[in-house]
Amino acid sequence: MITVVELPEYIRKSERLLDEEERDNVVEYVARNPRTGALVTGTGGVRKMRWARKGMGKSGGARIIYFFYNENIPVFLLTAFGKNEKTNLTKAECNELAKLTTLLVKSYKRGDK
């Protein structure tokens, strides 16, 4: 199982969408299945995963945005949103995430943790 880091934006947004048990389940699932989400083009390896919310199913659920590089670097939970909020990340969001993923990989390769 790989380490999972919840970034502040993810925590803030996921607390609106999911209860504590659901958030814990997301962390455990991603730790065990880091490659499960669909790769988001133009982000440097960010993935988007659908997550069913209690009583809503996947179609009414949350979208979990996370970054998995390899087993030597933690999985980073980046953000989350409800499907009713939007279906995809904007081009500007993808560009920002690409910059972030580059920084994360560089810092871990240097040993900055």
N, C-alpha and C. Protein backbone atom coordinates (compact mmCIF):
# COMPACT_ATOMS: atom_id res chain seq x y z
N MET A 1 0.85 -1.17 0.00
CA MET A 1 0.00 0.00 0.00
C MET A 1 0.90 1.24 0.00
N ILE A 2 0.53 2.22 -0.79
CA ILE A 2 1.32 3.44 -0.95
C ILE A 2 0.79 4.54 -0.01
N THR A 3 1.67 5.42 0.39
CA THR A 3 1.28 6.56 1.24
C THR A 3 0.41 7.52 0.43
N VAL A 4 -0.60 8.09 1.08
CA VAL A 4 -1.48 9.06 0.45
C VAL A 4 -1.41 10.36 1.24
N VAL A 5 -1.21 11.48 0.53
CA VAL A 5 -1.16 12.80 1.14
C VAL A 5 -2.38 13.59 0.66
N GLU A 6 -3.14 14.10 1.61
CA GLU A 6 -4.30 14.93 1.28
C GLU A 6 -3.88 16.40 1.33
N LEU A 7 -3.91 17.07 0.19
CA LEU A 7 -3.54 18.48 0.15
C LEU A 7 -4.70 19.34 0.67
N PRO A 8 -4.40 20.54 1.15
CA PRO A 8 -5.44 21.39 1.77
C PRO A 8 -6.68 21.61 0.90
N GLU A 9 -6.50 21.85 -0.39
CA GLU A 9 -7.67 22.05 -1.26
C GLU A 9 -8.54 20.80 -1.30
N TYR A 10 -7.90 19.65 -1.39
CA TYR A 10 -8.67 18.40 -1.39
C TYR A 10 -9.46 18.26 -0.09
N ILE A 11 -8.81 18.51 1.02
CA ILE A 11 -9.49 18.38 2.32
C ILE A 11 -10.71 19.29 2.37
N ARG A 12 -10.50 20.55 2.00
CA ARG A 12 -11.59 21.53 2.05
C ARG A 12 -12.77 21.11 1.16
N LYS A 13 -12.46 20.72 -0.06
CA LYS A 13 -13.54 20.38 -1.00
C LYS A 13 -14.18 19.03 -0.68
N SER A 14 -13.38 18.06 -0.27
CA SER A 14 -13.95 16.74 0.01
C SER A 14 -14.83 16.77 1.26
N GLU A 15 -14.52 17.64 2.20
CA GLU A 15 -15.36 17.75 3.40
C GLU A 15 -16.77 18.23 3.06
N ARG A 16 -16.92 18.98 1.97
CA ARG A 16 -18.25 19.42 1.51
C ARG A 16 -19.02 18.28 0.85
N LEU A 17 -18.29 17.36 0.23
CA LEU A 17 -18.91 16.33 -0.60
C LEU A 17 -19.12 15.00 0.10
N LEU A 18 -18.20 14.64 0.98
CA LEU A 18 -18.16 13.29 1.54
C LEU A 18 -18.14 13.35 3.06
N ASP A 19 -18.72 12.34 3.68
CA ASP A 19 -18.61 12.27 5.14
C ASP A 19 -17.25 11.66 5.50
N GLU A 20 -16.93 11.62 6.77
CA GLU A 20 -15.61 11.16 7.21
C GLU A 20 -15.32 9.73 6.77
N GLU A 21 -16.30 8.86 6.87
CA GLU A 21 -16.11 7.47 6.46
C GLU A 21 -15.82 7.38 4.97
N GLU A 22 -16.54 8.14 4.15
CA GLU A 22 -16.31 8.13 2.71
C GLU A 22 -14.91 8.66 2.39
N ARG A 23 -14.48 9.71 3.07
CA ARG A 23 -13.14 10.26 2.84
C ARG A 23 -12.06 9.24 3.21
N ASP A 24 -12.26 8.55 4.33
CA ASP A 24 -11.31 7.50 4.72
C ASP A 24 -11.28 6.38 3.68
N ASN A 25 -12.44 6.04 3.14
CA ASN A 25 -12.52 4.99 2.12
C ASN A 25 -11.80 5.41 0.84
N VAL A 26 -11.89 6.69 0.48
CA VAL A 26 -11.16 7.19 -0.70
C VAL A 26 -9.66 7.00 -0.49
N VAL A 27 -9.16 7.42 0.66
CA VAL A 27 -7.73 7.31 0.95
C VAL A 27 -7.28 5.85 0.88
N GLU A 28 -8.02 4.98 1.50
CA GLU A 28 -7.65 3.56 1.49
C GLU A 28 -7.69 2.98 0.08
N TYR A 29 -8.73 3.32 -0.68
CA TYR A 29 -8.87 2.79 -2.03
C TYR A 29 -7.72 3.26 -2.93
N VAL A 30 -7.42 4.55 -2.88
CA VAL A 30 -6.34 5.09 -3.73
C VAL A 30 -4.99 4.51 -3.30
N ALA A 31 -4.79 4.31 -2.01
CA ALA A 31 -3.54 3.72 -1.53
C ALA A 31 -3.34 2.32 -2.09
N ARG A 32 -4.41 1.59 -2.23
CA ARG A 32 -4.34 0.21 -2.74
C ARG A 32 -4.40 0.13 -4.27
N ASN A 33 -4.98 1.16 -4.90
CA ASN A 33 -5.21 1.14 -6.35
C ASN A 33 -4.82 2.47 -6.98
N PRO A 34 -3.56 2.87 -6.90
CA PRO A 34 -3.19 4.21 -7.36
C PRO A 34 -3.35 4.45 -8.86
N ARG A 35 -3.42 3.39 -9.64
CA ARG A 35 -3.55 3.55 -11.10
C ARG A 35 -5.01 3.50 -11.57
N THR A 36 -5.94 3.45 -10.66
CA THR A 36 -7.34 3.21 -11.03
C THR A 36 -7.99 4.34 -11.81
N GLY A 37 -7.66 5.57 -11.52
CA GLY A 37 -8.31 6.70 -12.17
C GLY A 37 -7.86 6.89 -13.60
N ALA A 38 -8.71 7.55 -14.38
CA ALA A 38 -8.38 7.86 -15.78
C ALA A 38 -7.36 9.00 -15.81
N LEU A 39 -6.34 8.85 -16.64
CA LEU A 39 -5.36 9.92 -16.80
C LEU A 39 -6.02 11.13 -17.45
N VAL A 40 -5.69 12.31 -16.93
CA VAL A 40 -6.22 13.56 -17.47
C VAL A 40 -5.14 14.15 -18.38
N THR A 41 -5.44 14.28 -19.65
CA THR A 41 -4.49 14.76 -20.65
C THR A 41 -3.97 16.15 -20.29
N GLY A 42 -2.66 16.33 -20.47
CA GLY A 42 -2.05 17.65 -20.29
C GLY A 42 -1.78 18.06 -18.86
N THR A 43 -1.77 17.09 -17.94
CA THR A 43 -1.58 17.42 -16.52
C THR A 43 -0.31 16.84 -15.93
N GLY A 44 0.44 16.10 -16.69
CA GLY A 44 1.66 15.50 -16.15
C GLY A 44 1.42 14.27 -15.31
N GLY A 45 0.26 13.63 -15.48
CA GLY A 45 0.01 12.39 -14.76
C GLY A 45 -1.11 12.43 -13.74
N VAL A 46 -1.87 13.51 -13.71
CA VAL A 46 -3.01 13.60 -12.80
C VAL A 46 -4.09 12.63 -13.27
N ARG A 47 -4.79 12.06 -12.30
CA ARG A 47 -5.86 11.12 -12.60
C ARG A 47 -7.18 11.61 -12.02
N LYS A 48 -8.26 11.22 -12.67
CA LYS A 48 -9.61 11.56 -12.21
C LYS A 48 -10.36 10.26 -11.96
N MET A 49 -10.93 10.17 -10.77
CA MET A 49 -11.65 8.96 -10.38
C MET A 49 -13.06 9.34 -9.96
N ARG A 50 -14.02 8.56 -10.41
CA ARG A 50 -15.41 8.75 -9.96
C ARG A 50 -15.58 8.04 -8.63
N TRP A 51 -16.28 8.70 -7.71
CA TRP A 51 -16.51 8.10 -6.40
C TRP A 51 -17.98 8.25 -6.05
N ALA A 52 -18.64 7.13 -5.81
CA ALA A 52 -20.07 7.14 -5.46
C ALA A 52 -20.26 7.71 -4.07
N ARG A 53 -21.21 8.63 -3.95
CA ARG A 53 -21.57 9.16 -2.64
C ARG A 53 -22.76 8.37 -2.12
N LYS A 54 -22.86 8.27 -0.82
CA LYS A 54 -23.96 7.51 -0.22
C LYS A 54 -25.30 7.98 -0.78
N GLY A 55 -26.05 7.02 -1.29
CA GLY A 55 -27.39 7.30 -1.79
C GLY A 55 -27.44 8.01 -3.13
N MET A 56 -26.28 8.22 -3.78
CA MET A 56 -26.27 8.97 -5.04
C MET A 56 -25.69 8.18 -6.20
N GLY A 57 -24.94 7.14 -5.95
CA GLY A 57 -24.31 6.38 -7.02
C GLY A 57 -23.19 7.17 -7.67
N LYS A 58 -22.51 6.54 -8.63
CA LYS A 58 -21.38 7.20 -9.29
C LYS A 58 -21.81 8.39 -10.13
N SER A 59 -22.96 8.30 -10.79
CA SER A 59 -23.37 9.40 -11.66
C SER A 59 -23.66 10.67 -10.88
N GLY A 60 -24.08 10.55 -9.63
CA GLY A 60 -24.32 11.73 -8.80
C GLY A 60 -23.24 11.92 -7.77
N GLY A 61 -22.13 11.28 -7.99
CA GLY A 61 -21.08 11.26 -6.99
C GLY A 61 -20.05 12.35 -7.15
N ALA A 62 -18.92 12.09 -6.55
CA ALA A 62 -17.80 13.03 -6.54
C ALA A 62 -16.75 12.61 -7.56
N ARG A 63 -15.98 13.59 -7.96
CA ARG A 63 -14.81 13.35 -8.80
C ARG A 63 -13.60 13.65 -7.93
N ILE A 64 -12.72 12.69 -7.82
CA ILE A 64 -11.52 12.82 -7.01
C ILE A 64 -10.34 13.01 -7.97
N ILE A 65 -9.61 14.09 -7.79
CA ILE A 65 -8.47 14.40 -8.65
C ILE A 65 -7.21 14.15 -7.83
N TYR A 66 -6.33 13.29 -8.35
CA TYR A 66 -5.13 12.93 -7.60
C TYR A 66 -3.96 12.71 -8.54
N PHE A 67 -2.76 12.69 -7.96
CA PHE A 67 -1.54 12.50 -8.72
C PHE A 67 -0.79 11.29 -8.21
N PHE A 68 -0.51 10.37 -9.12
CA PHE A 68 0.32 9.20 -8.83
C PHE A 68 1.45 9.18 -9.85
N TYR A 69 2.68 9.19 -9.35
CA TYR A 69 3.85 9.15 -10.22
C TYR A 69 4.45 7.75 -10.25
N ASN A 70 4.84 7.26 -9.09
CA ASN A 70 5.33 5.89 -8.96
C ASN A 70 5.28 5.49 -7.48
N GLU A 71 5.69 4.27 -7.19
CA GLU A 71 5.59 3.75 -5.83
C GLU A 71 6.56 4.41 -4.85
N ASN A 72 7.52 5.18 -5.35
CA ASN A 72 8.50 5.83 -4.48
C ASN A 72 8.07 7.22 -4.01
N ILE A 73 6.98 7.71 -4.56
CA ILE A 73 6.45 9.03 -4.22
C ILE A 73 5.00 8.83 -3.78
N PRO A 74 4.57 9.51 -2.72
CA PRO A 74 3.17 9.33 -2.28
C PRO A 74 2.17 9.71 -3.37
N VAL A 75 0.98 9.20 -3.22
CA VAL A 75 -0.15 9.67 -4.03
C VAL A 75 -0.62 10.97 -3.38
N PHE A 76 -0.89 11.98 -4.19
CA PHE A 76 -1.37 13.26 -3.69
C PHE A 76 -2.81 13.46 -4.11
N LEU A 77 -3.70 13.55 -3.12
CA LEU A 77 -5.09 13.90 -3.39
C LEU A 77 -5.12 15.41 -3.54
N LEU A 78 -5.49 15.89 -4.74
CA LEU A 78 -5.34 17.31 -5.08
C LEU A 78 -6.61 18.13 -4.88
N THR A 79 -7.72 17.62 -5.39
CA THR A 79 -8.98 18.35 -5.28
C THR A 79 -10.12 17.37 -5.51
N ALA A 80 -11.32 17.86 -5.33
CA ALA A 80 -12.52 17.05 -5.54
C ALA A 80 -13.65 17.98 -5.93
N PHE A 81 -14.61 17.45 -6.67
CA PHE A 81 -15.81 18.22 -7.00
C PHE A 81 -16.95 17.27 -7.29
N GLY A 82 -18.15 17.77 -7.13
CA GLY A 82 -19.34 16.99 -7.44
C GLY A 82 -19.60 17.01 -8.93
N LYS A 83 -20.15 15.92 -9.43
CA LYS A 83 -20.46 15.87 -10.86
C LYS A 83 -21.44 16.97 -11.23
N ASN A 84 -22.30 17.34 -10.29
CA ASN A 84 -23.26 18.40 -10.56
C ASN A 84 -22.59 19.78 -10.64
N GLU A 85 -21.36 19.91 -10.15
CA GLU A 85 -20.61 21.16 -10.22
C GLU A 85 -19.97 21.34 -11.59
N LYS A 86 -19.32 20.29 -12.06
CA LYS A 86 -18.68 20.29 -13.38
C LYS A 86 -18.30 18.87 -13.72
N THR A 87 -18.06 18.62 -15.00
CA THR A 87 -17.71 17.26 -15.41
C THR A 87 -16.21 17.08 -15.63
N ASN A 88 -15.53 18.14 -16.00
CA ASN A 88 -14.10 18.05 -16.29
C ASN A 88 -13.36 19.26 -15.77
N LEU A 89 -12.05 19.12 -15.70
CA LEU A 89 -11.18 20.24 -15.36
C LEU A 89 -11.05 21.16 -16.57
N THR A 90 -10.91 22.45 -16.31
CA THR A 90 -10.69 23.40 -17.40
C THR A 90 -9.25 23.28 -17.90
N LYS A 91 -8.98 23.85 -19.06
CA LYS A 91 -7.62 23.86 -19.60
C LYS A 91 -6.68 24.59 -18.64
N ALA A 92 -7.14 25.70 -18.06
CA ALA A 92 -6.32 26.45 -17.11
C ALA A 92 -6.00 25.60 -15.88
N GLU A 93 -6.99 24.87 -15.38
CA GLU A 93 -6.76 23.98 -14.23
C GLU A 93 -5.76 22.89 -14.59
N CYS A 94 -5.89 22.33 -15.78
CA CYS A 94 -4.94 21.30 -16.23
C CYS A 94 -3.52 21.85 -16.29
N ASN A 95 -3.38 23.07 -16.80
CA ASN A 95 -2.05 23.70 -16.88
C ASN A 95 -1.45 23.90 -15.49
N GLU A 96 -2.26 24.36 -14.55
CA GLU A 96 -1.79 24.56 -13.17
C GLU A 96 -1.39 23.23 -12.53
N LEU A 97 -2.18 22.20 -12.77
CA LEU A 97 -1.86 20.88 -12.22
C LEU A 97 -0.57 20.33 -12.82
N ALA A 98 -0.33 20.60 -14.10
CA ALA A 98 0.91 20.15 -14.73
C ALA A 98 2.12 20.79 -14.05
N LYS A 99 2.00 22.08 -13.72
CA LYS A 99 3.09 22.76 -13.00
C LYS A 99 3.29 22.14 -11.62
N LEU A 100 2.19 21.89 -10.94
CA LEU A 100 2.27 21.31 -9.59
C LEU A 100 2.91 19.92 -9.62
N THR A 101 2.51 19.09 -10.57
CA THR A 101 3.06 17.73 -10.61
C THR A 101 4.56 17.76 -10.89
N THR A 102 5.00 18.69 -11.72
CA THR A 102 6.43 18.83 -11.99
C THR A 102 7.18 19.18 -10.71
N LEU A 103 6.63 20.11 -9.94
CA LEU A 103 7.26 20.50 -8.67
C LEU A 103 7.28 19.36 -7.66
N LEU A 104 6.19 18.61 -7.58
CA LEU A 104 6.14 17.49 -6.64
C LEU A 104 7.20 16.44 -6.97
N VAL A 105 7.30 16.09 -8.23
CA VAL A 105 8.28 15.08 -8.64
C VAL A 105 9.70 15.58 -8.38
N LYS A 106 9.98 16.83 -8.75
CA LYS A 106 11.32 17.37 -8.54
C LYS A 106 11.68 17.39 -7.06
N SER A 107 10.75 17.78 -6.22
CA SER A 107 11.05 17.86 -4.79
C SER A 107 11.31 16.48 -4.20
N TYR A 108 10.60 15.47 -4.65
CA TYR A 108 10.83 14.12 -4.12
C TYR A 108 12.10 13.51 -4.68
N LYS A 109 12.44 13.84 -5.90
CA LYS A 109 13.69 13.32 -6.46
C LYS A 109 14.90 13.94 -5.78
N ARG A 110 14.75 15.21 -5.31
CA ARG A 110 15.82 15.89 -4.58
C ARG A 110 15.89 15.43 -3.13
N GLY A 111 14.81 14.86 -2.65
CA GLY A 111 14.77 14.43 -1.26
C GLY A 111 14.06 15.40 -0.35
N ASP A 112 13.43 16.45 -0.90
CA ASP A 112 12.63 17.39 -0.10
C ASP A 112 11.29 16.76 0.17
N LYS A 113 11.01 16.44 1.42
CA LYS A 113 9.74 15.79 1.70
C LYS A 113 8.97 16.55 2.69
